[in-house]
Amino acid sequence: MDIQSIINSIQPTDVAIFLVSFAACVYCFVLSKRLRALQDTKDGLGATITAMTNSVSAMSQATHDTRTRVESMATRLAHLINDGEKMCKRLEDTIMTMERSQTHVTNQVHAAQTELNVLMRDVLDQSRARIVEMTTLMRQMRAMSEAGEADITAPPPRAKSA
């Protein structure tokens, strides 16, 4: 067989099948190259997937740590709120006790002031009575003193001749 007979025996469909097969081989070669590039762990999609996996893992750990801290803080806050409520109750009781004590002391002060006023009036009344008594005694003493001086300065009575 010579080349001429081979060329004459090739049908147009054979050429079409050959060209389509060749195009398919080239396409497969390009796809294979792109697939290797995507799977490359340094620059391709593999690197992106690895980075995303690491990021998701880090985020999961951070979320877990944050959740643990929040639960701890919530527990601590609940204890602080409980302690605050107890302190408020104690303060309210103390304030009520202080108000009762203040009322009691105020009543005692008013009673003492009233008693003091009564005692002061009695003392003043007694003092006035004593002052009046002393004034009366001083007048009497003055009168007696003046009478005594008048007797001393008066000439002695003359004897009556009989």
C-alpha atoms as a PDB file:
ATOM      1  CA  MET A   1       0.000   0.000   0.000  1.00  0.00           C
ATOM      2  CA  ASP A   2       1.288   3.150  -0.857  1.00  0.00           C
ATOM      3  CA  ILE A   3       0.522   6.570   0.486  1.00  0.00           C
ATOM      4  CA  GLN A   4      -1.715   7.454  -2.379  1.00  0.00           C
ATOM      5  CA  SER A   5      -4.028   4.585  -1.719  1.00  0.00           C
ATOM      6  CA  ILE A   6      -4.061   5.368   1.986  1.00  0.00           C
ATOM      7  CA  ILE A   7      -5.009   8.958   1.282  1.00  0.00           C
ATOM      8  CA  ASN A   8      -7.773   7.817  -1.078  1.00  0.00           C
ATOM      9  CA  SER A   9      -9.134   5.391   1.497  1.00  0.00           C
ATOM     10  CA  ILE A  10      -9.472   8.123   4.211  1.00  0.00           C
ATOM     11  CA  GLN A  11     -12.998   9.263   4.486  1.00  0.00           C
ATOM     12  CA  PRO A  12     -14.044  12.765   5.571  1.00  0.00           C
ATOM     13  CA  THR A  13     -15.662  11.293   8.698  1.00  0.00           C
ATOM     14  CA  ASP A  14     -12.326   9.763   9.620  1.00  0.00           C
ATOM     15  CA  VAL A  15     -10.723  13.205   9.446  1.00  0.00           C
ATOM     16  CA  ALA A  16     -13.517  14.680  11.541  1.00  0.00           C
ATOM     17  CA  ILE A  17     -13.126  11.913  14.156  1.00  0.00           C
ATOM     18  CA  PHE A  18      -9.377  12.451  14.188  1.00  0.00           C
ATOM     19  CA  LEU A  19      -9.730  16.232  14.669  1.00  0.00           C
ATOM     20  CA  VAL A  20     -12.337  15.849  17.401  1.00  0.00           C
ATOM     21  CA  SER A  21     -10.115  13.267  19.144  1.00  0.00           C
ATOM     22  CA  PHE A  22      -7.116  15.582  18.846  1.00  0.00           C
ATOM     23  CA  ALA A  23      -9.120  18.510  20.260  1.00  0.00           C
ATOM     24  CA  ALA A  24     -10.317  16.264  23.095  1.00  0.00           C
ATOM     25  CA  CYS A  25      -6.701  15.259  23.880  1.00  0.00           C
ATOM     26  CA  VAL A  26      -5.594  18.911  23.935  1.00  0.00           C
ATOM     27  CA  TYR A  27      -8.588  19.788  26.134  1.00  0.00           C
ATOM     28  CA  CYS A  28      -7.779  16.907  28.527  1.00  0.00           C
ATOM     29  CA  PHE A  29      -4.161  18.055  28.685  1.00  0.00           C
ATOM     30  CA  VAL A  30      -5.227  21.650  29.562  1.00  0.00           C
ATOM     31  CA  LEU A  31      -7.722  20.383  32.167  1.00  0.00           C
ATOM     32  CA  SER A  32      -5.069  18.143  33.697  1.00  0.00           C
ATOM     33  CA  LYS A  33      -2.698  21.104  33.980  1.00  0.00           C
ATOM     34  CA  ARG A  34      -5.393  23.287  35.567  1.00  0.00           C
ATOM     35  CA  LEU A  35      -6.385  20.520  37.980  1.00  0.00           C
ATOM     36  CA  ARG A  36      -2.765  20.127  39.103  1.00  0.00           C
ATOM     37  CA  ALA A  37      -2.577  23.910  39.600  1.00  0.00           C
ATOM     38  CA  LEU A  38      -5.740  23.840  41.733  1.00  0.00           C
ATOM     39  CA  GLN A  39      -4.413  20.971  43.835  1.00  0.00           C
ATOM     40  CA  ASP A  40      -1.095  22.731  44.423  1.00  0.00           C
ATOM     41  CA  THR A  41      -0.821  23.296  48.222  1.00  0.00           C
ATOM     42  CA  LYS A  42       1.406  26.333  47.827  1.00  0.00           C
ATOM     43  CA  ASP A  43      -0.527  28.612  45.477  1.00  0.00           C
ATOM     44  CA  GLY A  44      -3.678  26.878  44.326  1.00  0.00           C
ATOM     45  CA  LEU A  45      -7.069  25.952  45.639  1.00  0.00           C
ATOM     46  CA  GLY A  46      -5.451  23.368  47.939  1.00  0.00           C
ATOM     47  CA  ALA A  47      -3.588  26.172  49.714  1.00  0.00           C
ATOM     48  CA  THR A  48      -6.817  28.149  50.003  1.00  0.00           C
ATOM     49  CA  ILE A  49      -8.682  25.135  51.377  1.00  0.00           C
ATOM     50  CA  THR A  50      -5.852  24.459  53.858  1.00  0.00           C
ATOM     51  CA  ALA A  51      -5.852  28.100  54.969  1.00  0.00           C
ATOM     52  CA  MET A  52      -9.639  28.080  55.338  1.00  0.00           C
ATOM     53  CA  THR A  53      -9.494  24.824  57.325  1.00  0.00           C
ATOM     54  CA  ASN A  54      -6.911  26.354  59.652  1.00  0.00           C
ATOM     55  CA  SER A  55      -9.012  29.525  59.986  1.00  0.00           C
ATOM     56  CA  VAL A  56     -12.158  27.529  60.768  1.00  0.00           C
ATOM     57  CA  SER A  57     -10.239  25.523  63.369  1.00  0.00           C
ATOM     58  CA  ALA A  58      -8.867  28.707  64.957  1.00  0.00           C
ATOM     59  CA  MET A  59     -12.347  30.297  64.939  1.00  0.00           C
ATOM     60  CA  SER A  60     -13.832  27.189  66.551  1.00  0.00           C
ATOM     61  CA  GLN A  61     -11.197  27.295  69.277  1.00  0.00           C
ATOM     62  CA  ALA A  62     -11.701  31.042  69.789  1.00  0.00           C
ATOM     63  CA  THR A  63     -15.466  30.524  69.958  1.00  0.00           C
ATOM     64  CA  HIS A  64     -15.023  27.751  72.509  1.00  0.00           C
ATOM     65  CA  ASP A  65     -12.639  29.890  74.598  1.00  0.00           C
ATOM     66  CA  THR A  66     -15.005  32.861  74.398  1.00  0.00           C
ATOM     67  CA  ARG A  67     -17.983  30.709  75.382  1.00  0.00           C
ATOM     68  CA  THR A  68     -16.027  29.360  78.368  1.00  0.00           C
ATOM     69  CA  ARG A  69     -15.049  32.879  79.472  1.00  0.00           C
ATOM     70  CA  VAL A  70     -18.604  34.162  79.038  1.00  0.00           C
ATOM     71  CA  GLU A  71     -19.987  31.301  81.145  1.00  0.00           C
ATOM     72  CA  SER A  72     -17.396  32.020  83.830  1.00  0.00           C
ATOM     73  CA  MET A  73     -18.215  35.740  83.760  1.00  0.00           C
ATOM     74  CA  ALA A  74     -21.950  35.013  83.849  1.00  0.00           C
ATOM     75  CA  THR A  75     -21.476  32.829  86.935  1.00  0.00           C
ATOM     76  CA  ARG A  76     -19.363  35.503  88.597  1.00  0.00           C
ATOM     77  CA  LEU A  77     -21.881  38.200  87.668  1.00  0.00           C
ATOM     78  CA  ALA A  78     -24.708  36.110  89.140  1.00  0.00           C
ATOM     79  CA  HIS A  79     -22.755  35.810  92.405  1.00  0.00           C
ATOM     80  CA  LEU A  80     -22.052  39.552  92.422  1.00  0.00           C
ATOM     81  CA  ILE A  81     -25.719  40.344  91.785  1.00  0.00           C
ATOM     82  CA  ASN A  82     -26.717  37.994  94.610  1.00  0.00           C
ATOM     83  CA  ASP A  83     -24.196  39.645  96.944  1.00  0.00           C
ATOM     84  CA  GLY A  84     -25.475  43.082  95.868  1.00  0.00           C
ATOM     85  CA  GLU A  85     -29.066  42.110  96.626  1.00  0.00           C
ATOM     86  CA  LYS A  86     -28.038  40.845 100.071  1.00  0.00           C
ATOM     87  CA  MET A  87     -26.141  44.090 100.684  1.00  0.00           C
ATOM     88  CA  CYS A  88     -29.177  46.145  99.611  1.00  0.00           C
ATOM     89  CA  LYS A  89     -31.360  44.209 102.055  1.00  0.00           C
ATOM     90  CA  ARG A  90     -28.868  44.802 104.852  1.00  0.00           C
ATOM     91  CA  LEU A  91     -28.678  48.503 103.991  1.00  0.00           C
ATOM     92  CA  GLU A  92     -32.474  48.792 103.969  1.00  0.00           C
ATOM     93  CA  ASP A  93     -32.634  47.109 107.383  1.00  0.00           C
ATOM     94  CA  THR A  94     -29.902  49.398 108.705  1.00  0.00           C
ATOM     95  CA  ILE A  95     -31.693  52.481 107.355  1.00  0.00           C
ATOM     96  CA  MET A  96     -34.961  51.372 108.968  1.00  0.00           C
ATOM     97  CA  THR A  97     -33.167  50.775 112.279  1.00  0.00           C
ATOM     98  CA  MET A  98     -31.501  54.191 112.038  1.00  0.00           C
ATOM     99  CA  GLU A  99     -34.843  55.876 111.297  1.00  0.00           C
ATOM    100  CA  ARG A 100     -36.442  54.133 114.305  1.00  0.00           C
ATOM    101  CA  SER A 101     -33.493  55.140 116.488  1.00  0.00           C
ATOM    102  CA  GLN A 102     -33.675  58.704 115.194  1.00  0.00           C
ATOM    103  CA  THR A 103     -37.398  58.868 115.994  1.00  0.00           C
ATOM    104  CA  HIS A 104     -36.796  57.438 119.462  1.00  0.00           C
ATOM    105  CA  VAL A 105     -33.924  59.843 120.162  1.00  0.00           C
ATOM    106  CA  THR A 106     -35.929  62.791 118.833  1.00  0.00           C
ATOM    107  CA  ASN A 107     -38.803  61.875 121.140  1.00  0.00           C
ATOM    108  CA  GLN A 108     -36.401  61.596 124.078  1.00  0.00           C
ATOM    109  CA  VAL A 109     -34.869  64.997 123.244  1.00  0.00           C
ATOM    110  CA  HIS A 110     -38.317  66.608 123.032  1.00  0.00           C
ATOM    111  CA  ALA A 111     -39.312  65.017 126.353  1.00  0.00           C
ATOM    112  CA  ALA A 112     -36.068  66.182 127.960  1.00  0.00           C
ATOM    113  CA  GLN A 113     -36.570  69.704 126.592  1.00  0.00           C
ATOM    114  CA  THR A 114     -40.111  69.793 127.924  1.00  0.00           C
ATOM    115  CA  GLU A 115     -38.952  68.548 131.322  1.00  0.00           C
ATOM    116  CA  LEU A 116     -36.100  71.055 131.301  1.00  0.00           C
ATOM    117  CA  ASN A 117     -38.517  73.892 130.483  1.00  0.00           C
ATOM    118  CA  VAL A 118     -40.775  72.871 133.381  1.00  0.00           C
ATOM    119  CA  LEU A 119     -37.804  72.651 135.748  1.00  0.00           C
ATOM    120  CA  MET A 120     -36.477  76.022 134.540  1.00  0.00           C
ATOM    121  CA  ARG A 121     -39.877  77.632 135.139  1.00  0.00           C
ATOM    122  CA  ASP A 122     -39.980  76.165 138.645  1.00  0.00           C
ATOM    123  CA  VAL A 123     -36.428  77.361 139.343  1.00  0.00           C
ATOM    124  CA  LEU A 124     -37.251  80.826 137.979  1.00  0.00           C
ATOM    125  CA  ASP A 125     -40.428  80.986 140.044  1.00  0.00           C
ATOM    126  CA  GLN A 126     -38.499  79.958 143.173  1.00  0.00           C
ATOM    127  CA  SER A 127     -35.772  82.471 142.316  1.00  0.00           C
ATOM    128  CA  ARG A 128     -38.327  85.260 141.943  1.00  0.00           C
ATOM    129  CA  ALA A 129     -39.887  84.307 145.268  1.00  0.00           C
ATOM    130  CA  ARG A 130     -36.454  84.334 146.942  1.00  0.00           C
ATOM    131  CA  ILE A 131     -35.585  87.646 145.281  1.00  0.00           C
ATOM    132  CA  VAL A 132     -38.845  89.129 146.575  1.00  0.00           C
ATOM    133  CA  GLU A 133     -38.125  87.675 150.018  1.00  0.00           C
ATOM    134  CA  MET A 134     -34.543  88.982 149.969  1.00  0.00           C
ATOM    135  CA  THR A 135     -35.731  92.391 148.783  1.00  0.00           C
ATOM    136  CA  THR A 136     -38.251  92.497 151.622  1.00  0.00           C
ATOM    137  CA  LEU A 137     -35.590  91.480 154.150  1.00  0.00           C
ATOM    138  CA  MET A 138     -33.168  94.091 152.796  1.00  0.00           C
ATOM    139  CA  ARG A 139     -35.835  96.799 153.111  1.00  0.00           C
ATOM    140  CA  GLN A 140     -36.551  95.701 156.640  1.00  0.00           C
ATOM    141  CA  MET A 141     -32.836  95.725 157.451  1.00  0.00           C
ATOM    142  CA  ARG A 142     -32.458  99.154 155.901  1.00  0.00           C
ATOM    143  CA  ALA A 143     -35.410 100.404 157.854  1.00  0.00           C
ATOM    144  CA  MET A 144     -33.960  98.944 161.035  1.00  0.00           C
ATOM    145  CA  SER A 145     -30.561 100.335 160.182  1.00  0.00           C
ATOM    146  CA  GLU A 146     -31.992 103.800 159.557  1.00  0.00           C
ATOM    147  CA  ALA A 147     -33.975 103.575 162.762  1.00  0.00           C
ATOM    148  CA  GLY A 148     -30.861 102.503 164.647  1.00  0.00           C
ATOM    149  CA  GLU A 149     -28.876 105.395 163.173  1.00  0.00           C
ATOM    150  CA  ALA A 150     -31.626 107.808 164.037  1.00  0.00           C
ATOM    151  CA  ASP A 151     -31.507 106.605 167.629  1.00  0.00           C
ATOM    152  CA  ILE A 152     -27.757 107.031 167.757  1.00  0.00           C
ATOM    153  CA  THR A 153     -27.722 110.486 166.262  1.00  0.00           C
ATOM    154  CA  ALA A 154     -30.667 111.728 168.295  1.00  0.00           C
ATOM    155  CA  PRO A 155     -29.782 113.583 171.513  1.00  0.00           C
ATOM    156  CA  PRO A 156     -30.231 111.510 174.596  1.00  0.00           C
ATOM    157  CA  PRO A 157     -33.559 112.114 176.245  1.00  0.00           C
ATOM    158  CA  ARG A 158     -33.462 114.680 179.018  1.00  0.00           C
ATOM    159  CA  ALA A 159     -34.328 113.748 182.430  1.00  0.00           C
ATOM    160  CA  LYS A 160     -37.496 115.194 183.672  1.00  0.00           C
ATOM    161  CA  SER A 161     -37.333 117.418 186.633  1.00  0.00           C
ATOM    162  CA  ALA A 162     -39.474 116.632 189.272  1.00  0.00           C
END
